[in-house]
């Protein structure tokens, strides 16, 4: 059985995987009507109060959800980890260096995509990533880069100087209902390579209450998951506090 063969790869420890709540979708609802309902700043604070161990935002140039002004206002309000995701264009780099979040996650999303849909080619873009990551590390900001669960991409990610990688989990979520053992295998392999390379490990994209427990139990060294769309969607039915607690329970 796969469970028996894999279980020793992920020994239980006192430290559970952290949950960082991506609040972009809350901003999307606000922007649909203008004004300030729902209040994105209050949502960030409440997520923290309800148990989230981090807050994630992903500002895009068109500001269709989180706005650059939101990022400035959120930073002094929260006490948990603040993670800013985005494509390292000059405007984004300047904002991160000014705000100094706990973590910056570099994502190669084009300006016209609905959501992030691929990890970095860490061979093709290695020199560029090195330059950007060096600037953030000099400022004392932990860096993570978004990568697909591909051995070659993970190995070359280590050469960029990044502290962590974030595994892009859309393929896992899509294939989980069909064959969860096959779906998770590339992620276990990628996680083991990350450990060998001295990289910390995050994960995110389409993780939800159906597939999170299995992923967090079998992927070794998983430090943090960033979840937004599914969590906010569940909160429409269950309420934000209860939903965050349910996600935290999946990680215990």
C-alpha atoms as a PDB file:
ATOM      1  CA  UNK A   1       0.000   0.000   0.000  1.00  0.00           C
ATOM      2  CA  UNK A   2       1.248   3.474  -0.831  1.00  0.00           C
ATOM      3  CA  UNK A   3       0.383   4.756   2.655  1.00  0.00           C
ATOM      4  CA  UNK A   4       2.729   2.234   4.250  1.00  0.00           C
ATOM      5  CA  UNK A   5       5.551   2.956   1.852  1.00  0.00           C
ATOM      6  CA  UNK A   6       5.237   6.728   2.169  1.00  0.00           C
ATOM      7  CA  UNK A   7       4.423   7.260   5.819  1.00  0.00           C
ATOM      8  CA  UNK A   8       8.035   7.179   6.970  1.00  0.00           C
ATOM      9  CA  UNK A   9       8.864  10.045   4.638  1.00  0.00           C
ATOM     10  CA  UNK A  10       6.915  12.474   6.799  1.00  0.00           C
ATOM     11  CA  UNK A  11       7.454  11.791  10.500  1.00  0.00           C
ATOM     12  CA  UNK A  12       5.083  13.676  12.760  1.00  0.00           C
ATOM     13  CA  UNK A  13       6.565  16.605  14.649  1.00  0.00           C
ATOM     14  CA  UNK A  14       5.424  19.167  17.160  1.00  0.00           C
ATOM     15  CA  UNK A  15       5.443  21.891  14.501  1.00  0.00           C
ATOM     16  CA  UNK A  16       2.494  21.612  12.156  1.00  0.00           C
ATOM     17  CA  UNK A  17       2.295  23.121   8.708  1.00  0.00           C
ATOM     18  CA  UNK A  18       1.291  26.794   8.909  1.00  0.00           C
ATOM     19  CA  UNK A  19      -1.845  28.135   7.237  1.00  0.00           C
ATOM     20  CA  UNK A  20      -1.494  31.442   5.428  1.00  0.00           C
ATOM     21  CA  UNK A  21      -4.833  32.825   4.265  1.00  0.00           C
ATOM     22  CA  UNK A  22      -4.818  34.584   0.901  1.00  0.00           C
ATOM     23  CA  UNK A  23      -7.371  37.413   1.140  1.00  0.00           C
ATOM     24  CA  UNK A  24      -7.412  38.378  -2.553  1.00  0.00           C
ATOM     25  CA  UNK A  25     -10.944  37.044  -3.085  1.00  0.00           C
ATOM     26  CA  UNK A  26     -12.270  39.204  -0.270  1.00  0.00           C
ATOM     27  CA  UNK A  27     -10.869  42.201  -2.119  1.00  0.00           C
ATOM     28  CA  UNK A  28     -12.483  40.943  -5.339  1.00  0.00           C
ATOM     29  CA  UNK A  29     -15.922  41.090  -3.705  1.00  0.00           C
ATOM     30  CA  UNK A  30     -15.224  44.580  -2.368  1.00  0.00           C
ATOM     31  CA  UNK A  31     -14.086  45.845  -5.750  1.00  0.00           C
ATOM     32  CA  UNK A  32     -17.195  44.510  -7.479  1.00  0.00           C
ATOM     33  CA  UNK A  33     -19.323  47.221  -5.862  1.00  0.00           C
ATOM     34  CA  UNK A  34     -16.825  49.883  -4.878  1.00  0.00           C
ATOM     35  CA  UNK A  35     -16.828  51.270  -1.370  1.00  0.00           C
ATOM     36  CA  UNK A  36     -15.399  49.247   1.474  1.00  0.00           C
ATOM     37  CA  UNK A  37     -17.625  46.201   1.917  1.00  0.00           C
ATOM     38  CA  UNK A  38     -16.288  43.749   2.859  1.00  0.00           C
ATOM     39  CA  UNK A  39     -13.486  45.546   4.687  1.00  0.00           C
ATOM     40  CA  UNK A  40     -10.248  43.914   3.550  1.00  0.00           C
ATOM     41  CA  UNK A  41      -8.254  45.294   6.464  1.00  0.00           C
ATOM     42  CA  UNK A  42     -10.731  43.914   8.996  1.00  0.00           C
ATOM     43  CA  UNK A  43     -10.690  40.581   7.176  1.00  0.00           C
ATOM     44  CA  UNK A  44      -6.911  40.369   7.529  1.00  0.00           C
ATOM     45  CA  UNK A  45      -7.113  41.104  11.242  1.00  0.00           C
ATOM     46  CA  UNK A  46      -9.993  38.663  11.753  1.00  0.00           C
ATOM     47  CA  UNK A  47      -8.179  35.856   9.921  1.00  0.00           C
ATOM     48  CA  UNK A  48      -5.339  36.328  12.370  1.00  0.00           C
ATOM     49  CA  UNK A  49      -7.713  36.376  15.359  1.00  0.00           C
ATOM     50  CA  UNK A  50      -9.417  33.211  14.082  1.00  0.00           C
ATOM     51  CA  UNK A  51      -6.123  31.321  14.045  1.00  0.00           C
ATOM     52  CA  UNK A  52      -4.422  31.869  10.682  1.00  0.00           C
ATOM     53  CA  UNK A  53      -0.657  31.845  11.074  1.00  0.00           C
ATOM     54  CA  UNK A  54      -0.115  34.091   8.080  1.00  0.00           C
ATOM     55  CA  UNK A  55      -1.766  36.509   5.678  1.00  0.00           C
ATOM     56  CA  UNK A  56      -1.009  36.367   1.950  1.00  0.00           C
ATOM     57  CA  UNK A  57      -1.749  39.026  -0.655  1.00  0.00           C
ATOM     58  CA  UNK A  58      -1.047  38.966  -4.378  1.00  0.00           C
ATOM     59  CA  UNK A  59      -1.298  42.459  -5.865  1.00  0.00           C
ATOM     60  CA  UNK A  60      -1.424  42.633  -9.649  1.00  0.00           C
ATOM     61  CA  UNK A  61      -0.763  45.666 -11.834  1.00  0.00           C
ATOM     62  CA  UNK A  62      -4.454  46.047 -12.755  1.00  0.00           C
ATOM     63  CA  UNK A  63      -5.425  45.917  -9.046  1.00  0.00           C
ATOM     64  CA  UNK A  64      -8.437  43.751  -9.814  1.00  0.00           C
ATOM     65  CA  UNK A  65      -8.413  42.428  -6.257  1.00  0.00           C
ATOM     66  CA  UNK A  66      -5.781  43.478  -3.706  1.00  0.00           C
ATOM     67  CA  UNK A  67      -4.613  47.017  -4.377  1.00  0.00           C
ATOM     68  CA  UNK A  68      -1.134  48.316  -3.740  1.00  0.00           C
ATOM     69  CA  UNK A  69      -2.626  50.720  -1.189  1.00  0.00           C
ATOM     70  CA  UNK A  70      -4.157  47.740   0.656  1.00  0.00           C
ATOM     71  CA  UNK A  71      -0.728  46.191   1.073  1.00  0.00           C
ATOM     72  CA  UNK A  72       0.632  49.336   2.727  1.00  0.00           C
ATOM     73  CA  UNK A  73      -2.326  49.484   5.097  1.00  0.00           C
ATOM     74  CA  UNK A  74      -2.328  45.791   6.049  1.00  0.00           C
ATOM     75  CA  UNK A  75       1.358  45.592   6.976  1.00  0.00           C
ATOM     76  CA  UNK A  76       1.213  47.465  10.334  1.00  0.00           C
ATOM     77  CA  UNK A  77      -2.078  45.867  11.388  1.00  0.00           C
ATOM     78  CA  UNK A  78      -1.170  42.193  11.558  1.00  0.00           C
ATOM     79  CA  UNK A  79       1.199  40.367  13.882  1.00  0.00           C
ATOM     80  CA  UNK A  80       1.414  37.033  12.075  1.00  0.00           C
ATOM     81  CA  UNK A  81       3.548  36.343   9.016  1.00  0.00           C
ATOM     82  CA  UNK A  82       2.893  38.641   6.068  1.00  0.00           C
ATOM     83  CA  UNK A  83       3.545  37.095   2.654  1.00  0.00           C
ATOM     84  CA  UNK A  84       3.414  39.154  -0.545  1.00  0.00           C
ATOM     85  CA  UNK A  85       3.177  37.209  -3.809  1.00  0.00           C
ATOM     86  CA  UNK A  86       3.692  38.569  -7.274  1.00  0.00           C
ATOM     87  CA  UNK A  87       5.616  38.928 -10.485  1.00  0.00           C
ATOM     88  CA  UNK A  88       8.831  40.845  -9.706  1.00  0.00           C
ATOM     89  CA  UNK A  89       8.253  43.762 -12.056  1.00  0.00           C
ATOM     90  CA  UNK A  90       9.888  47.049 -10.935  1.00  0.00           C
ATOM     91  CA  UNK A  91       6.715  48.346  -9.244  1.00  0.00           C
ATOM     92  CA  UNK A  92       6.390  45.131  -7.255  1.00  0.00           C
ATOM     93  CA  UNK A  93      10.053  45.069  -6.235  1.00  0.00           C
ATOM     94  CA  UNK A  94       9.894  48.677  -5.014  1.00  0.00           C
ATOM     95  CA  UNK A  95       6.760  47.950  -2.974  1.00  0.00           C
ATOM     96  CA  UNK A  96       8.257  44.867  -1.308  1.00  0.00           C
ATOM     97  CA  UNK A  97      11.478  46.676  -0.416  1.00  0.00           C
ATOM     98  CA  UNK A  98       9.445  49.528   1.087  1.00  0.00           C
ATOM     99  CA  UNK A  99       7.037  47.374   3.090  1.00  0.00           C
ATOM    100  CA  UNK A 100       9.482  44.618   4.091  1.00  0.00           C
ATOM    101  CA  UNK A 101       7.113  41.673   4.602  1.00  0.00           C
ATOM    102  CA  UNK A 102       8.273  38.543   6.382  1.00  0.00           C
ATOM    103  CA  UNK A 103       8.244  36.672   3.076  1.00  0.00           C
ATOM    104  CA  UNK A 104       8.037  37.486  -0.612  1.00  0.00           C
ATOM    105  CA  UNK A 105       6.922  34.777  -3.052  1.00  0.00           C
ATOM    106  CA  UNK A 106       7.950  35.327  -6.658  1.00  0.00           C
ATOM    107  CA  UNK A 107       5.366  34.168  -9.209  1.00  0.00           C
ATOM    108  CA  UNK A 108       5.851  34.366 -12.998  1.00  0.00           C
ATOM    109  CA  UNK A 109       2.258  35.306 -13.805  1.00  0.00           C
ATOM    110  CA  UNK A 110       1.575  37.320 -16.930  1.00  0.00           C
ATOM    111  CA  UNK A 111      -0.500  40.489 -16.580  1.00  0.00           C
ATOM    112  CA  UNK A 112      -3.480  39.003 -18.434  1.00  0.00           C
ATOM    113  CA  UNK A 113      -3.936  35.668 -16.614  1.00  0.00           C
ATOM    114  CA  UNK A 114      -6.887  35.115 -14.277  1.00  0.00           C
ATOM    115  CA  UNK A 115      -4.725  33.305 -11.752  1.00  0.00           C
ATOM    116  CA  UNK A 116      -1.200  31.921 -11.502  1.00  0.00           C
ATOM    117  CA  UNK A 117      -0.877  28.997 -13.887  1.00  0.00           C
ATOM    118  CA  UNK A 118       2.776  27.889 -13.956  1.00  0.00           C
ATOM    119  CA  UNK A 119       5.951  27.851 -11.937  1.00  0.00           C
ATOM    120  CA  UNK A 120       9.274  29.444 -12.852  1.00  0.00           C
ATOM    121  CA  UNK A 121      11.618  27.960 -15.393  1.00  0.00           C
ATOM    122  CA  UNK A 122      14.517  28.145 -12.954  1.00  0.00           C
ATOM    123  CA  UNK A 123      17.058  27.413 -15.677  1.00  0.00           C
ATOM    124  CA  UNK A 124      15.951  30.001 -18.209  1.00  0.00           C
ATOM    125  CA  UNK A 125      15.342  32.713 -15.585  1.00  0.00           C
ATOM    126  CA  UNK A 126      18.089  31.788 -13.125  1.00  0.00           C
ATOM    127  CA  UNK A 127      20.196  34.920 -13.545  1.00  0.00           C
ATOM    128  CA  UNK A 128      17.172  37.190 -13.242  1.00  0.00           C
ATOM    129  CA  UNK A 129      15.948  35.383 -10.130  1.00  0.00           C
ATOM    130  CA  UNK A 130      19.390  35.584  -8.565  1.00  0.00           C
ATOM    131  CA  UNK A 131      19.443  39.356  -8.972  1.00  0.00           C
ATOM    132  CA  UNK A 132      15.967  39.880  -7.561  1.00  0.00           C
ATOM    133  CA  UNK A 133      16.393  37.454  -4.681  1.00  0.00           C
ATOM    134  CA  UNK A 134      19.703  39.023  -3.716  1.00  0.00           C
ATOM    135  CA  UNK A 135      18.021  42.418  -3.358  1.00  0.00           C
ATOM    136  CA  UNK A 136      15.334  41.003  -1.084  1.00  0.00           C
ATOM    137  CA  UNK A 137      17.773  38.989   1.005  1.00  0.00           C
ATOM    138  CA  UNK A 138      19.943  42.070   1.516  1.00  0.00           C
ATOM    139  CA  UNK A 139      16.825  43.760   2.905  1.00  0.00           C
ATOM    140  CA  UNK A 140      16.270  40.860   5.340  1.00  0.00           C
ATOM    141  CA  UNK A 141      13.199  39.481   3.545  1.00  0.00           C
ATOM    142  CA  UNK A 142      12.751  35.713   3.279  1.00  0.00           C
ATOM    143  CA  UNK A 143      12.276  34.642  -0.319  1.00  0.00           C
ATOM    144  CA  UNK A 144      10.268  31.859  -1.935  1.00  0.00           C
ATOM    145  CA  UNK A 145       9.785  31.079  -5.622  1.00  0.00           C
ATOM    146  CA  UNK A 146       6.806  29.378  -7.258  1.00  0.00           C
ATOM    147  CA  UNK A 147       7.818  26.156  -9.037  1.00  0.00           C
ATOM    148  CA  UNK A 148       6.199  23.125 -10.610  1.00  0.00           C
ATOM    149  CA  UNK A 149       6.922  19.713  -9.010  1.00  0.00           C
ATOM    150  CA  UNK A 150       9.651  18.969 -11.528  1.00  0.00           C
ATOM    151  CA  UNK A 151      12.984  17.635 -10.296  1.00  0.00           C
ATOM    152  CA  UNK A 152      15.095  19.778 -12.603  1.00  0.00           C
ATOM    153  CA  UNK A 153      13.248  22.984 -11.686  1.00  0.00           C
ATOM    154  CA  UNK A 154      13.624  22.314  -7.964  1.00  0.00           C
ATOM    155  CA  UNK A 155      17.336  21.544  -8.201  1.00  0.00           C
ATOM    156  CA  UNK A 156      18.047  24.709 -10.158  1.00  0.00           C
ATOM    157  CA  UNK A 157      15.883  26.759  -7.790  1.00  0.00           C
ATOM    158  CA  UNK A 158      18.521  26.128  -5.137  1.00  0.00           C
ATOM    159  CA  UNK A 159      21.072  27.924  -7.332  1.00  0.00           C
ATOM    160  CA  UNK A 160      19.080  31.163  -7.238  1.00  0.00           C
ATOM    161  CA  UNK A 161      19.761  31.745  -3.541  1.00  0.00           C
ATOM    162  CA  UNK A 162      16.099  31.489  -2.535  1.00  0.00           C
ATOM    163  CA  UNK A 163      15.232  30.388   0.990  1.00  0.00           C
ATOM    164  CA  UNK A 164      12.178  28.371  -0.021  1.00  0.00           C
ATOM    165  CA  UNK A 165      10.146  27.139  -2.939  1.00  0.00           C
ATOM    166  CA  UNK A 166       6.365  27.056  -3.192  1.00  0.00           C
ATOM    167  CA  UNK A 167       5.098  24.021  -5.057  1.00  0.00           C
ATOM    168  CA  UNK A 168       2.314  24.799  -7.532  1.00  0.00           C
ATOM    169  CA  UNK A 169      -0.401  22.349  -6.535  1.00  0.00           C
ATOM    170  CA  UNK A 170      -3.029  22.806  -9.267  1.00  0.00           C
ATOM    171  CA  UNK A 171      -2.110  19.499 -10.921  1.00  0.00           C
ATOM    172  CA  UNK A 172      -2.389  17.673  -7.596  1.00  0.00           C
ATOM    173  CA  UNK A 173      -5.823  19.156  -6.912  1.00  0.00           C
ATOM    174  CA  UNK A 174      -7.072  18.372 -10.421  1.00  0.00           C
ATOM    175  CA  UNK A 175      -5.930  14.749 -10.331  1.00  0.00           C
ATOM    176  CA  UNK A 176      -6.687  14.018  -6.681  1.00  0.00           C
ATOM    177  CA  UNK A 177     -10.253  12.743  -7.331  1.00  0.00           C
ATOM    178  CA  UNK A 178      -8.992  10.453 -10.089  1.00  0.00           C
ATOM    179  CA  UNK A 179      -5.953   8.869  -8.428  1.00  0.00           C
ATOM    180  CA  UNK A 180      -4.636  10.560  -5.333  1.00  0.00           C
ATOM    181  CA  UNK A 181      -1.567   8.325  -5.080  1.00  0.00           C
ATOM    182  CA  UNK A 182      -0.433   9.206  -8.589  1.00  0.00           C
ATOM    183  CA  UNK A 183      -1.345  12.847  -8.044  1.00  0.00           C
ATOM    184  CA  UNK A 184       0.871  13.277  -5.013  1.00  0.00           C
ATOM    185  CA  UNK A 185       3.903  11.280  -6.139  1.00  0.00           C
ATOM    186  CA  UNK A 186       5.625  14.157  -8.028  1.00  0.00           C
ATOM    187  CA  UNK A 187       5.165  16.403  -4.997  1.00  0.00           C
ATOM    188  CA  UNK A 188       6.784  13.932  -2.635  1.00  0.00           C
ATOM    189  CA  UNK A 189       9.714  13.561  -5.026  1.00  0.00           C
ATOM    190  CA  UNK A 190      10.036  17.345  -5.379  1.00  0.00           C
ATOM    191  CA  UNK A 191       9.873  17.802  -1.601  1.00  0.00           C
ATOM    192  CA  UNK A 192      12.666  15.300  -1.033  1.00  0.00           C
ATOM    193  CA  UNK A 193      14.841  17.095  -3.578  1.00  0.00           C
ATOM    194  CA  UNK A 194      14.091  20.399  -1.851  1.00  0.00           C
ATOM    195  CA  UNK A 195      15.249  18.895   1.442  1.00  0.00           C
ATOM    196  CA  UNK A 196      18.437  17.596  -0.166  1.00  0.00           C
ATOM    197  CA  UNK A 197      19.044  21.059  -1.626  1.00  0.00           C
ATOM    198  CA  UNK A 198      18.532  22.870   1.674  1.00  0.00           C
ATOM    199  CA  UNK A 199      15.316  24.578   0.585  1.00  0.00           C
ATOM    200  CA  UNK A 200      12.310  25.241   2.781  1.00  0.00           C
ATOM    201  CA  UNK A 201       8.989  24.091   1.345  1.00  0.00           C
ATOM    202  CA  UNK A 202       5.666  25.881   0.892  1.00  0.00           C
ATOM    203  CA  UNK A 203       2.718  24.907  -1.307  1.00  0.00           C
ATOM    204  CA  UNK A 204      -0.372  26.487  -2.759  1.00  0.00           C
ATOM    205  CA  UNK A 205      -3.064  26.673  -5.440  1.00  0.00           C
ATOM    206  CA  UNK A 206      -6.399  24.837  -5.354  1.00  0.00           C
ATOM    207  CA  UNK A 207      -5.770  23.135  -2.030  1.00  0.00           C
ATOM    208  CA  UNK A 208      -9.068  22.701  -0.189  1.00  0.00           C
ATOM    209  CA  UNK A 209     -10.864  20.783   2.562  1.00  0.00           C
ATOM    210  CA  UNK A 210     -11.069  17.692   0.365  1.00  0.00           C
ATOM    211  CA  UNK A 211      -7.406  17.316  -0.576  1.00  0.00           C
ATOM    212  CA  UNK A 212      -5.394  19.223   2.040  1.00  0.00           C
ATOM    213  CA  UNK A 213      -5.166  16.536   4.733  1.00  0.00           C
ATOM    214  CA  UNK A 214      -3.690  13.948   2.378  1.00  0.00           C
ATOM    215  CA  UNK A 215      -1.211  16.424   0.913  1.00  0.00           C
ATOM    216  CA  UNK A 216      -0.001  17.720   4.264  1.00  0.00           C
ATOM    217  CA  UNK A 217       0.441  14.214   5.668  1.00  0.00           C
ATOM    218  CA  UNK A 218       2.442  12.746   2.820  1.00  0.00           C
ATOM    219  CA  UNK A 219       4.599  15.616   1.550  1.00  0.00           C
ATOM    220  CA  UNK A 220       7.715  15.776   3.728  1.00  0.00           C
ATOM    221  CA  UNK A 221       8.994  19.019   5.198  1.00  0.00           C
ATOM    222  CA  UNK A 222       5.929  21.090   4.358  1.00  0.00           C
ATOM    223  CA  UNK A 223       6.274  24.369   6.254  1.00  0.00           C
ATOM    224  CA  UNK A 224       3.373  26.440   4.958  1.00  0.00           C
ATOM    225  CA  UNK A 225       0.339  26.369   2.684  1.00  0.00           C
ATOM    226  CA  UNK A 226      -1.250  29.456   1.170  1.00  0.00           C
ATOM    227  CA  UNK A 227      -4.986  29.078   0.530  1.00  0.00           C
ATOM    228  CA  UNK A 228      -7.415  31.698  -0.702  1.00  0.00           C
ATOM    229  CA  UNK A 229     -10.086  30.886  -3.259  1.00  0.00           C
ATOM    230  CA  UNK A 230     -11.336  27.635  -1.704  1.00  0.00           C
ATOM    231  CA  UNK A 231     -11.178  28.972   1.837  1.00  0.00           C
ATOM    232  CA  UNK A 232     -13.128  32.138   1.045  1.00  0.00           C
ATOM    233  CA  UNK A 233     -15.662  30.113  -0.951  1.00  0.00           C
ATOM    234  CA  UNK A 234     -16.191  27.762   2.007  1.00  0.00           C
ATOM    235  CA  UNK A 235     -16.558  30.757   4.304  1.00  0.00           C
ATOM    236  CA  UNK A 236     -19.598  31.930   2.335  1.00  0.00           C
ATOM    237  CA  UNK A 237     -21.445  28.884   3.692  1.00  0.00           C
ATOM    238  CA  UNK A 238     -19.680  28.171   6.956  1.00  0.00           C
ATOM    239  CA  UNK A 239     -18.436  31.536   8.162  1.00  0.00           C
ATOM    240  CA  UNK A 240     -14.830  32.718   8.202  1.00  0.00           C
ATOM    241  CA  UNK A 241     -13.941  31.671  11.735  1.00  0.00           C
ATOM    242  CA  UNK A 242     -15.300  28.142  11.418  1.00  0.00           C
ATOM    243  CA  UNK A 243     -13.706  27.711   7.998  1.00  0.00           C
ATOM    244  CA  UNK A 244     -10.259  28.699   9.199  1.00  0.00           C
ATOM    245  CA  UNK A 245     -10.585  26.266  12.095  1.00  0.00           C
ATOM    246  CA  UNK A 246     -11.557  23.477   9.690  1.00  0.00           C
ATOM    247  CA  UNK A 247      -8.504  24.142   7.544  1.00  0.00           C
ATOM    248  CA  UNK A 248      -6.264  24.248  10.598  1.00  0.00           C
ATOM    249  CA  UNK A 249      -7.675  20.900  11.694  1.00  0.00           C
ATOM    250  CA  UNK A 250      -6.620  19.400   8.353  1.00  0.00           C
ATOM    251  CA  UNK A 251      -3.052  20.439   9.135  1.00  0.00           C
ATOM    252  CA  UNK A 252      -2.866  19.092  12.687  1.00  0.00           C
END
